[in-house]
Amino acid sequence: MTTRIPKNGSVLSEAKELNLFRLTWPIFLELFLFMLMGSVDTFMLSSVSDNAVSGVGASNQIISIAILVLEVIGNGAAIVVAQYIGSKKLVEAAQVTGTAITLNLMVGLLLSVIFLVFGTHMLQWLNVQGDILAYADSYISIVGGAIFLQALINALAATIRTHGFTRETMYVSVLMNVIHVLGNYVLIFGHWGMPALGVEGAAISTVGSRFICLLIFFWLMYRVTEVRVEWKYYVQLSRKFISKILRIGVPSALESIMYQSCQLIFTLYVTYLGAEAMATRQYANNISSYIYLFSMAVGMGTAIVVGRLVGARQKDTAYKRVLSSVKWALLVTIIIDAVVIFFRVPLLSLFTENPEIIRLGAQVILLSMLLETGRTTNIVIINSLRAAGDAKFPVFMGLISMVCMSLPLGYLLVFKLEMGLAGVWLAIAADEWTRAVIMYARWRSRLWEKHALVEHDTPDQPAAPIPAH
């Protein structure tokens, strides 16, 4: 394997081998640390009050939708870049990267203004009231007002991962989490001479750690990319590249926004069940996030591989890779889920001593085996369909399954059949399995093969093979 020195002076492999395990384990650790950061917030804020946890949880439901809007550009660009890399068009990949960073910054600044002006109103629309509203309003104004930092981080991290440097993004996440935990310790509880700020301290710590992470990601991007992102790429926005980014990004984000919007409506349902139910859902969601963590890592790693393989016209290899990824992701999900179910009461006891919250949480976590297996299949296959360029199909199926089926079903189970939180979990599980069966059939049909994004100069000559595993 030959090497060369790019313009930025770093020595890089000219053909970085796409080994799925090597791509996935750093993504797994990075996602684990990202989720751990949320759990640390929840754990530390539980010392303030259960209402503080509920308020931050409600704020994060809204903020998560904003982050999904930012992924319109970040995810779309990552897939376009992956296909250009697979077809050996590295200059075009750099141009797409510059375009994506500028677009994400513009959207991020707009969202920051929206949070600062309308944050309180959005929380009130969710029926958040009293002390919970006070905590939520404080958090959303600080973290939401600085959401443009996350906008840039999304674009930069996606680019670095797509080039195969998943381990480097993991290192940055480790540092960000260390800074965040230290910031929480100092600012929530008032150590080292600082005031005890509670929820505001957690928010300031989140924003500060993201800012430091952003600076490192910019430096890292210029170290790892083989073709430098020139400054003119940030201002000379190509209509062709914007079109390709949006062709993938808009449907991808719409599908994700629909999902999170449904979660918001389920949150609205839960507000009518009382403060204990709201806190229970937040704690149970924090624990459940670790169950599908491996699936998310496999889905992201597989998407990088599929994008490169589709760009290199190795579609048979991509087809087999995805089926294998689904099998392994399901196996690991079942094992992790079984462990979480066995230890569900001790895990919930880490967050609260309220016996009713522990009882409700233990009940819904029992249902996670049904929910998470369907979610795992969706995560891997939908990411792969997007990476192949087939981004619209999951949106249409999501509209039917999530909006038209799971929301009415959830209302029926929660309020008419009086199943409470268990009704929410069952409604989400029904949606996940409906879409899982449809997405599996879509991948097996191979209709995604006609959606590639990169034009080849020599259509009759296949590109050099890229190892997929």
Protein backbone atom coordinates (compact mmCIF):
# COMPACT_ATOMS: atom_id res chain seq x y z
CA MET A 1 0.00 0.00 0.00
CA THR A 2 1.54 3.27 -1.11
CA THR A 3 1.45 6.55 0.77
CA ARG A 4 1.84 10.15 -0.18
CA ILE A 5 2.04 13.53 1.53
CA PRO A 6 -1.04 15.66 0.78
CA LYS A 7 -1.07 19.44 0.73
CA ASN A 8 -1.60 19.63 4.47
CA GLY A 9 1.61 17.71 5.16
CA SER A 10 0.15 14.63 6.83
CA VAL A 11 1.18 11.17 5.68
CA LEU A 12 -1.92 9.19 4.80
CA SER A 13 -2.84 5.94 3.13
CA GLU A 14 -3.87 6.39 -0.48
CA ALA A 15 -6.45 3.64 -0.15
CA LYS A 16 -7.60 3.32 3.43
CA GLU A 17 -9.04 -0.17 3.84
CA LEU A 18 -12.67 -0.26 4.87
CA ASN A 19 -12.69 -2.79 7.67
CA LEU A 20 -16.12 -2.69 9.31
CA PHE A 21 -14.89 -3.69 12.76
CA ARG A 22 -12.10 -1.11 12.66
CA LEU A 23 -14.63 1.57 11.65
CA THR A 24 -17.30 0.50 14.11
CA TRP A 25 -15.59 0.05 17.47
CA PRO A 26 -14.48 3.71 17.71
CA ILE A 27 -17.99 4.82 16.66
CA PHE A 28 -19.40 2.55 19.37
CA LEU A 29 -17.16 4.10 22.02
CA GLU A 30 -17.87 7.61 20.75
CA LEU A 31 -21.64 7.04 20.90
CA PHE A 32 -21.26 5.42 24.30
CA LEU A 33 -19.45 8.49 25.58
CA PHE A 34 -22.03 10.81 24.02
CA MET A 35 -24.85 8.90 25.72
CA LEU A 36 -22.82 8.73 28.92
CA MET A 37 -22.67 12.53 28.87
CA GLY A 38 -26.48 12.61 28.85
CA SER A 39 -26.64 10.05 31.66
CA VAL A 40 -24.10 12.03 33.70
CA ASP A 41 -26.33 15.10 33.33
CA THR A 42 -29.34 13.06 34.44
CA PHE A 43 -27.47 11.44 37.34
CA MET A 44 -26.00 14.71 38.62
CA LEU A 45 -29.24 16.64 38.17
CA SER A 46 -31.17 13.94 40.01
CA SER A 47 -29.32 15.25 43.08
CA VAL A 48 -31.02 18.60 42.45
CA SER A 49 -34.54 17.18 42.01
CA ASP A 50 -36.66 14.90 39.85
CA ASN A 51 -38.28 18.06 38.44
CA ALA A 52 -34.86 19.25 37.24
CA VAL A 53 -34.40 15.94 35.40
CA SER A 54 -37.86 16.23 33.84
CA GLY A 55 -37.20 19.82 32.75
CA VAL A 56 -33.89 19.00 31.07
CA GLY A 57 -35.50 15.94 29.46
CA ALA A 58 -38.32 18.04 28.00
CA SER A 59 -35.81 20.61 26.69
CA ASN A 60 -33.67 17.92 25.11
CA GLN A 61 -36.73 16.53 23.29
CA ILE A 62 -36.99 19.87 21.45
CA ILE A 63 -33.23 20.36 21.05
CA SER A 64 -32.91 16.88 19.56
CA ILE A 65 -35.28 17.90 16.75
CA ALA A 66 -33.06 20.90 16.01
CA ILE A 67 -30.03 18.60 15.85
CA LEU A 68 -31.92 16.41 13.37
CA VAL A 69 -32.58 19.49 11.22
CA LEU A 70 -28.83 20.09 11.20
CA GLU A 71 -28.32 16.51 10.03
CA VAL A 72 -30.10 17.44 6.78
CA ILE A 73 -26.74 18.77 5.64
CA GLY A 74 -24.32 16.77 7.77
CA ASN A 75 -25.66 13.33 6.89
CA GLY A 76 -26.39 14.23 3.29
CA ALA A 77 -22.86 15.53 2.80
CA ALA A 78 -21.31 12.49 4.48
CA ILE A 79 -23.03 10.15 2.01
CA VAL A 80 -22.11 12.28 -1.01
CA VAL A 81 -18.49 12.49 0.21
CA ALA A 82 -18.38 8.70 0.77
CA GLN A 83 -19.52 8.00 -2.78
CA TYR A 84 -17.02 10.50 -4.23
CA ILE A 85 -14.22 8.90 -2.21
CA GLY A 86 -15.29 5.48 -3.45
CA SER A 87 -15.08 6.74 -7.04
CA LYS A 88 -11.64 8.33 -6.32
CA LYS A 89 -12.90 11.91 -6.87
CA LEU A 90 -11.23 13.51 -3.84
CA VAL A 91 -11.33 17.15 -4.97
CA GLU A 92 -15.11 16.94 -5.33
CA ALA A 93 -15.26 15.36 -1.87
CA ALA A 94 -13.40 18.37 -0.43
CA GLN A 95 -15.72 20.81 -2.22
CA VAL A 96 -18.78 19.04 -0.80
CA THR A 97 -17.24 19.27 2.68
CA GLY A 98 -16.70 23.05 2.45
CA THR A 99 -20.24 23.56 1.16
CA ALA A 100 -21.71 21.46 3.96
CA ILE A 101 -19.87 23.31 6.73
CA THR A 102 -21.07 26.72 5.52
CA LEU A 103 -24.65 25.56 5.07
CA ASN A 104 -24.74 23.96 8.52
CA LEU A 105 -23.42 27.13 10.14
CA MET A 106 -26.14 29.22 8.48
CA VAL A 107 -28.90 26.83 9.58
CA GLY A 108 -27.38 26.56 13.07
CA LEU A 109 -27.39 30.33 13.59
CA LEU A 110 -31.03 30.49 12.51
CA LEU A 111 -31.98 27.74 14.97
CA SER A 112 -30.09 29.49 17.77
CA VAL A 113 -32.18 32.63 17.23
CA ILE A 114 -35.39 30.56 17.21
CA PHE A 115 -34.50 28.95 20.56
CA LEU A 116 -33.66 32.28 22.15
CA VAL A 117 -36.92 33.88 20.99
CA PHE A 118 -39.42 31.01 21.11
CA GLY A 119 -37.90 28.48 23.54
CA THR A 120 -40.33 29.19 26.38
CA HIS A 121 -43.34 29.01 24.05
CA MET A 122 -42.25 25.64 22.64
CA LEU A 123 -41.99 24.21 26.17
CA GLN A 124 -45.45 25.53 27.02
CA TRP A 125 -46.84 23.86 23.90
CA LEU A 126 -45.56 20.59 25.42
CA ASN A 127 -47.67 21.28 28.51
CA VAL A 128 -44.55 21.78 30.64
CA GLN A 129 -45.54 23.76 33.72
CA GLY A 130 -44.44 24.97 37.15
CA ASP A 131 -40.96 24.16 38.46
CA ILE A 132 -40.33 21.83 35.53
CA LEU A 133 -40.91 24.73 33.12
CA ALA A 134 -38.49 26.97 35.05
CA TYR A 135 -35.73 24.37 34.83
CA ALA A 136 -36.49 23.59 31.18
CA ASP A 137 -36.55 27.25 30.15
CA SER A 138 -33.14 27.89 31.73
CA TYR A 139 -31.59 24.91 29.97
CA ILE A 140 -33.10 25.47 26.52
CA SER A 141 -32.08 29.14 26.38
CA ILE A 142 -28.41 28.30 26.98
CA VAL A 143 -27.95 25.01 25.10
CA GLY A 144 -30.45 25.86 22.35
CA GLY A 145 -29.05 29.36 21.97
CA ALA A 146 -25.61 27.89 21.22
CA ILE A 147 -26.89 25.12 18.92
CA PHE A 148 -24.81 26.53 16.05
CA LEU A 149 -21.76 24.96 17.74
CA GLN A 150 -23.36 21.52 17.37
CA ALA A 151 -24.17 22.41 13.75
CA LEU A 152 -20.49 22.76 12.93
CA ILE A 153 -19.52 19.71 15.00
CA ASN A 154 -22.03 17.56 13.06
CA ALA A 155 -20.58 18.54 9.69
CA LEU A 156 -16.95 18.16 10.75
CA ALA A 157 -17.35 14.86 12.60
CA ALA A 158 -19.34 13.29 9.76
CA THR A 159 -16.63 14.27 7.25
CA ILE A 160 -13.80 12.89 9.39
CA ARG A 161 -15.64 9.59 9.97
CA THR A 162 -16.44 9.24 6.27
CA HIS A 163 -12.74 9.44 5.46
CA GLY A 164 -12.30 6.42 7.73
CA PHE A 165 -10.87 8.21 10.79
CA THR A 166 -13.47 7.06 13.31
CA ARG A 167 -10.85 6.51 16.02
CA GLU A 168 -9.81 10.15 15.91
CA THR A 169 -13.39 11.40 16.43
CA MET A 170 -13.62 9.01 19.38
CA TYR A 171 -10.57 10.62 21.01
CA VAL A 172 -12.19 14.04 20.72
CA SER A 173 -15.37 12.66 22.31
CA VAL A 174 -13.34 11.30 25.23
CA LEU A 175 -11.87 14.75 25.83
CA MET A 176 -15.26 16.44 25.46
CA ASN A 177 -16.79 14.10 28.05
CA VAL A 178 -13.98 14.68 30.53
CA ILE A 179 -14.42 18.45 30.18
CA HIS A 180 -18.19 18.11 30.48
CA VAL A 181 -18.09 15.99 33.63
CA LEU A 182 -15.61 18.35 35.27
CA GLY A 183 -17.76 21.30 34.25
CA ASN A 184 -20.84 19.64 35.75
CA TYR A 185 -19.00 18.91 38.99
CA VAL A 186 -17.86 22.52 39.32
CA LEU A 187 -20.95 24.36 38.05
CA ILE A 188 -23.89 22.21 39.20
CA PHE A 189 -22.70 21.79 42.78
CA GLY A 190 -20.52 24.92 43.18
CA HIS A 191 -17.06 23.47 43.78
CA TRP A 192 -13.67 25.20 43.46
CA GLY A 193 -15.10 28.56 44.45
CA MET A 194 -17.77 28.62 41.72
CA PRO A 195 -21.47 29.26 42.43
CA ALA A 196 -23.86 26.27 42.54
CA LEU A 197 -25.88 26.85 39.37
CA GLY A 198 -27.81 23.57 39.12
CA VAL A 199 -29.48 23.18 35.71
CA GLU A 200 -27.81 26.35 34.40
CA GLY A 201 -24.43 24.88 35.34
CA ALA A 202 -25.15 21.70 33.36
CA ALA A 203 -26.14 23.82 30.35
CA ILE A 204 -23.02 26.00 30.52
CA SER A 205 -20.85 22.90 30.85
CA THR A 206 -22.50 21.40 27.75
CA VAL A 207 -21.87 24.51 25.65
CA GLY A 208 -18.28 24.93 26.87
CA SER A 209 -17.32 21.33 26.10
CA ARG A 210 -18.86 21.62 22.62
CA PHE A 211 -16.88 24.78 21.86
CA ILE A 212 -13.56 23.14 22.73
CA CYS A 213 -14.56 20.04 20.75
CA LEU A 214 -15.36 22.22 17.72
CA LEU A 215 -11.90 23.80 17.67
CA ILE A 216 -10.24 20.39 17.81
CA PHE A 217 -12.44 19.00 15.03
CA PHE A 218 -11.47 21.87 12.70
CA TRP A 219 -7.79 21.19 13.34
CA LEU A 220 -8.31 17.46 12.89
CA MET A 221 -10.13 17.78 9.58
CA TYR A 222 -7.16 19.57 8.05
CA ARG A 223 -4.84 16.84 9.34
CA VAL A 224 -6.69 13.78 8.03
CA THR A 225 -8.21 14.74 4.68
CA GLU A 226 -6.03 13.87 1.69
CA VAL A 227 -7.28 16.82 -0.37
CA ARG A 228 -7.37 20.03 1.66
CA VAL A 229 -10.66 21.91 2.04
CA GLU A 230 -9.62 25.27 0.60
CA TRP A 231 -11.11 28.47 1.96
CA LYS A 232 -12.84 29.22 -1.34
CA TYR A 233 -14.89 26.02 -0.93
CA TYR A 234 -16.60 27.64 2.07
CA VAL A 235 -17.85 30.63 0.05
CA GLN A 236 -18.18 29.33 -3.51
CA LEU A 237 -21.22 27.17 -2.90
CA SER A 238 -21.87 24.81 -5.81
CA ARG A 239 -25.50 24.35 -6.81
CA LYS A 240 -24.71 20.81 -8.01
CA PHE A 241 -23.25 19.77 -4.64
CA ILE A 242 -26.01 21.49 -2.66
CA SER A 243 -28.57 19.59 -4.74
CA LYS A 244 -26.90 16.25 -4.04
CA ILE A 245 -26.56 16.98 -0.32
CA LEU A 246 -30.22 17.94 -0.06
CA ARG A 247 -31.33 14.98 -2.18
CA ILE A 248 -30.14 12.72 0.63
CA GLY A 249 -30.23 15.08 3.58
CA VAL A 250 -33.79 16.39 3.33
CA PRO A 251 -35.52 12.97 3.20
CA SER A 252 -33.16 11.61 5.88
CA ALA A 253 -33.90 14.51 8.19
CA LEU A 254 -37.63 14.40 7.49
CA GLU A 255 -37.73 10.74 8.52
CA SER A 256 -35.76 11.49 11.68
CA ILE A 257 -37.80 14.61 12.45
CA MET A 258 -41.01 12.63 12.07
CA TYR A 259 -39.66 10.10 14.56
CA GLN A 260 -38.65 12.74 17.09
CA SER A 261 -41.90 14.63 16.59
CA CYS A 262 -43.77 11.44 17.43
CA GLN A 263 -41.60 11.13 20.53
CA LEU A 264 -42.58 14.70 21.42
CA ILE A 265 -46.25 13.82 21.12
CA PHE A 266 -45.67 10.75 23.27
CA THR A 267 -44.01 13.10 25.77
CA LEU A 268 -47.20 15.18 25.66
CA TYR A 269 -49.19 12.03 26.41
CA VAL A 270 -46.92 11.32 29.38
CA THR A 271 -47.34 14.82 30.83
CA TYR A 272 -50.97 13.93 31.51
CA LEU A 273 -49.83 10.89 33.51
CA GLY A 274 -48.02 13.08 36.05
CA ALA A 275 -44.52 14.15 37.13
CA GLU A 276 -43.51 10.64 38.23
CA ALA A 277 -44.35 9.24 34.80
CA MET A 278 -42.31 12.00 33.13
CA ALA A 279 -39.29 11.28 35.31
CA THR A 280 -39.71 7.53 34.73
CA ARG A 281 -39.70 7.97 30.96
CA GLN A 282 -36.54 10.06 31.14
CA TYR A 283 -34.72 7.50 33.30
CA ALA A 284 -35.94 4.52 31.24
CA ASN A 285 -34.95 6.24 27.97
CA ASN A 286 -31.47 6.90 29.35
CA ILE A 287 -31.04 3.22 30.19
CA SER A 288 -32.60 2.01 26.92
CA SER A 289 -30.25 4.17 24.86
CA TYR A 290 -27.40 1.85 25.83
CA ILE A 291 -29.29 -1.14 24.43
CA TYR A 292 -29.36 0.13 20.84
CA LEU A 293 -25.94 1.77 21.10
CA PHE A 294 -24.17 -1.09 19.30
CA SER A 295 -26.79 -1.03 16.53
CA MET A 296 -26.19 2.69 15.97
CA ALA A 297 -22.45 2.09 15.69
CA VAL A 298 -22.91 -0.79 13.25
CA GLY A 299 -25.42 1.28 11.27
CA MET A 300 -23.03 4.22 10.94
CA GLY A 301 -20.04 2.02 10.12
CA THR A 302 -22.03 0.03 7.57
CA ALA A 303 -23.25 3.26 5.96
CA ILE A 304 -19.65 4.42 5.45
CA VAL A 305 -18.79 1.09 3.83
CA VAL A 306 -21.94 1.02 1.67
CA GLY A 307 -21.40 4.60 0.46
CA ARG A 308 -17.84 3.81 -0.61
CA LEU A 309 -18.87 0.52 -2.24
CA VAL A 310 -21.75 2.09 -4.16
CA GLY A 311 -19.40 4.86 -5.33
CA ALA A 312 -16.97 2.16 -6.49
CA ARG A 313 -19.82 0.17 -8.12
CA GLN A 314 -19.32 -2.85 -5.86
CA LYS A 315 -23.05 -3.32 -5.22
CA ASP A 316 -23.03 -7.09 -4.66
CA THR A 317 -20.53 -6.64 -1.85
CA ALA A 318 -22.65 -3.83 -0.36
CA TYR A 319 -25.77 -6.04 -0.48
CA LYS A 320 -24.13 -8.88 1.44
CA ARG A 321 -22.43 -6.52 3.89
CA VAL A 322 -25.75 -5.08 5.07
CA LEU A 323 -27.41 -8.48 5.62
CA SER A 324 -24.42 -9.59 7.67
CA SER A 325 -24.47 -6.36 9.70
CA VAL A 326 -28.16 -6.81 10.56
CA LYS A 327 -27.52 -10.34 11.82
CA TRP A 328 -24.65 -9.35 14.12
CA ALA A 329 -26.39 -6.21 15.36
CA LEU A 330 -29.49 -8.21 16.33
CA LEU A 331 -27.43 -10.81 18.16
CA VAL A 332 -25.57 -8.22 20.26
CA THR A 333 -28.76 -6.22 20.92
CA ILE A 334 -30.51 -9.30 22.34
CA ILE A 335 -27.55 -10.04 24.64
CA ILE A 336 -27.28 -6.44 25.91
CA ASP A 337 -31.04 -6.19 26.33
CA ALA A 338 -31.14 -9.38 28.43
CA VAL A 339 -28.44 -7.98 30.75
CA VAL A 340 -30.26 -4.64 31.13
CA ILE A 341 -33.57 -6.38 31.90
CA PHE A 342 -31.90 -8.56 34.55
CA PHE A 343 -30.35 -5.51 36.29
CA ARG A 344 -33.18 -3.04 35.59
CA VAL A 345 -34.06 -2.33 39.23
CA PRO A 346 -30.46 -1.62 40.37
CA LEU A 347 -29.95 0.55 37.27
CA LEU A 348 -33.05 2.62 37.99
CA SER A 349 -31.99 2.89 41.63
CA LEU A 350 -28.87 4.75 40.48
CA PHE A 351 -31.07 7.64 39.41
CA THR A 352 -33.85 7.79 42.01
CA GLU A 353 -35.06 6.40 45.33
CA ASN A 354 -38.73 6.96 44.47
CA PRO A 355 -40.31 3.46 44.61
CA GLU A 356 -43.11 4.34 42.18
CA ILE A 357 -40.64 5.57 39.55
CA ILE A 358 -38.56 2.40 40.00
CA ARG A 359 -41.69 0.22 39.67
CA LEU A 360 -42.89 1.98 36.51
CA GLY A 361 -39.38 2.00 34.98
CA ALA A 362 -38.87 -1.72 35.64
CA GLN A 363 -42.19 -2.42 33.95
CA VAL A 364 -41.43 -0.59 30.70
CA ILE A 365 -37.82 -1.82 30.47
CA LEU A 366 -39.24 -5.36 30.38
CA LEU A 367 -40.84 -4.40 27.05
CA SER A 368 -37.52 -3.29 25.56
CA MET A 369 -36.76 -6.74 24.11
CA LEU A 370 -39.75 -6.30 21.80
CA LEU A 371 -38.94 -2.69 20.94
CA GLU A 372 -35.16 -2.80 20.53
CA THR A 373 -34.95 -5.75 18.14
CA GLY A 374 -37.18 -3.93 15.67
CA ARG A 375 -35.27 -0.68 16.18
CA THR A 376 -31.94 -2.44 15.54
CA THR A 377 -33.08 -3.74 12.16
CA ASN A 378 -34.31 -0.26 11.20
CA ILE A 379 -31.14 1.52 12.26
CA VAL A 380 -28.84 -0.67 10.15
CA ILE A 381 -30.97 -0.95 7.01
CA ILE A 382 -32.23 2.65 6.89
CA ASN A 383 -28.67 3.98 7.26
CA SER A 384 -27.60 1.67 4.44
CA LEU A 385 -30.47 2.72 2.16
CA ARG A 386 -29.49 6.36 2.65
CA ALA A 387 -25.85 5.59 1.97
CA ALA A 388 -26.88 3.95 -1.30
CA GLY A 389 -28.84 7.07 -2.25
CA ASP A 390 -32.30 5.59 -1.57
CA ALA A 391 -33.38 8.17 1.03
CA LYS A 392 -37.01 8.87 0.10
CA PHE A 393 -38.45 5.41 0.70
CA PRO A 394 -37.89 5.41 4.50
CA VAL A 395 -39.72 8.78 4.70
CA PHE A 396 -42.87 7.47 3.04
CA MET A 397 -42.89 4.35 5.19
CA GLY A 398 -42.23 6.43 8.30
CA LEU A 399 -45.22 8.66 7.54
CA ILE A 400 -47.49 5.62 7.31
CA SER A 401 -46.09 3.69 10.26
CA MET A 402 -45.11 6.40 12.74
CA VAL A 403 -47.69 9.11 12.17
CA CYS A 404 -50.69 7.19 10.90
CA MET A 405 -50.29 4.07 13.05
CA SER A 406 -48.18 4.48 16.20
CA LEU A 407 -49.61 7.82 17.41
CA PRO A 408 -53.27 6.74 17.29
CA LEU A 409 -52.29 3.36 18.72
CA GLY A 410 -50.42 5.07 21.56
CA TYR A 411 -53.43 7.26 22.36
CA LEU A 412 -55.66 4.18 22.43
CA LEU A 413 -53.31 2.21 24.69
CA VAL A 414 -52.42 5.07 27.07
CA PHE A 415 -55.78 6.76 27.57
CA LYS A 416 -58.57 4.44 26.41
CA LEU A 417 -57.10 1.14 27.66
CA GLU A 418 -55.35 2.94 30.56
CA MET A 419 -52.01 1.16 30.06
CA GLY A 420 -49.99 4.26 30.99
CA LEU A 421 -46.29 4.27 30.09
CA ALA A 422 -46.45 0.65 28.92
CA GLY A 423 -48.84 1.81 26.19
CA VAL A 424 -46.22 4.26 24.90
CA TRP A 425 -43.57 1.54 24.73
CA LEU A 426 -45.92 -0.89 22.94
CA ALA A 427 -46.97 1.72 20.37
CA ILE A 428 -43.33 2.54 19.56
CA ALA A 429 -42.49 -1.18 19.30
CA ALA A 430 -45.36 -1.71 16.83
CA ASP A 431 -43.97 1.07 14.64
CA GLU A 432 -40.39 -0.25 14.79
CA TRP A 433 -41.35 -3.76 13.76
CA THR A 434 -43.68 -2.60 10.98
CA ARG A 435 -40.90 -0.55 9.42
CA ALA A 436 -38.27 -3.23 10.09
CA VAL A 437 -40.14 -5.78 7.98
CA ILE A 438 -40.67 -3.24 5.17
CA MET A 439 -37.05 -2.03 5.17
CA TYR A 440 -35.70 -5.59 5.10
CA ALA A 441 -37.89 -6.33 2.08
CA ARG A 442 -36.67 -3.13 0.40
CA TRP A 443 -33.02 -4.07 0.82
CA ARG A 444 -33.63 -7.62 -0.46
CA SER A 445 -35.43 -6.18 -3.52
CA ARG A 446 -32.22 -4.32 -4.51
CA LEU A 447 -34.26 -1.39 -5.84
CA TRP A 448 -31.77 0.89 -4.03
CA GLU A 449 -29.14 0.12 -6.68
CA LYS A 450 -30.54 2.69 -9.13
CA HIS A 451 -30.11 5.63 -6.71
CA ALA A 452 -26.31 6.17 -6.80
CA LEU A 453 -25.22 9.85 -6.63
CA VAL A 454 -21.87 9.91 -8.45
CA GLU A 455 -21.58 10.06 -12.21
CA HIS A 456 -18.79 7.89 -13.63
CA ASP A 457 -16.71 8.88 -16.63
CA THR A 458 -16.36 5.27 -17.78
CA PRO A 459 -19.66 3.56 -17.05
CA ASP A 460 -18.64 0.26 -18.58
CA GLN A 461 -15.51 -0.13 -16.49
CA PRO A 462 -16.07 -0.97 -12.81
CA ALA A 463 -13.96 0.84 -10.25
CA ALA A 464 -11.25 -0.96 -8.33
CA PRO A 465 -12.65 -3.11 -5.54
CA ILE A 466 -12.68 -1.71 -2.03
CA PRO A 467 -12.43 -4.26 0.79
CA ALA A 468 -15.61 -4.20 2.89
CA HIS A 469 -14.58 -6.49 5.72
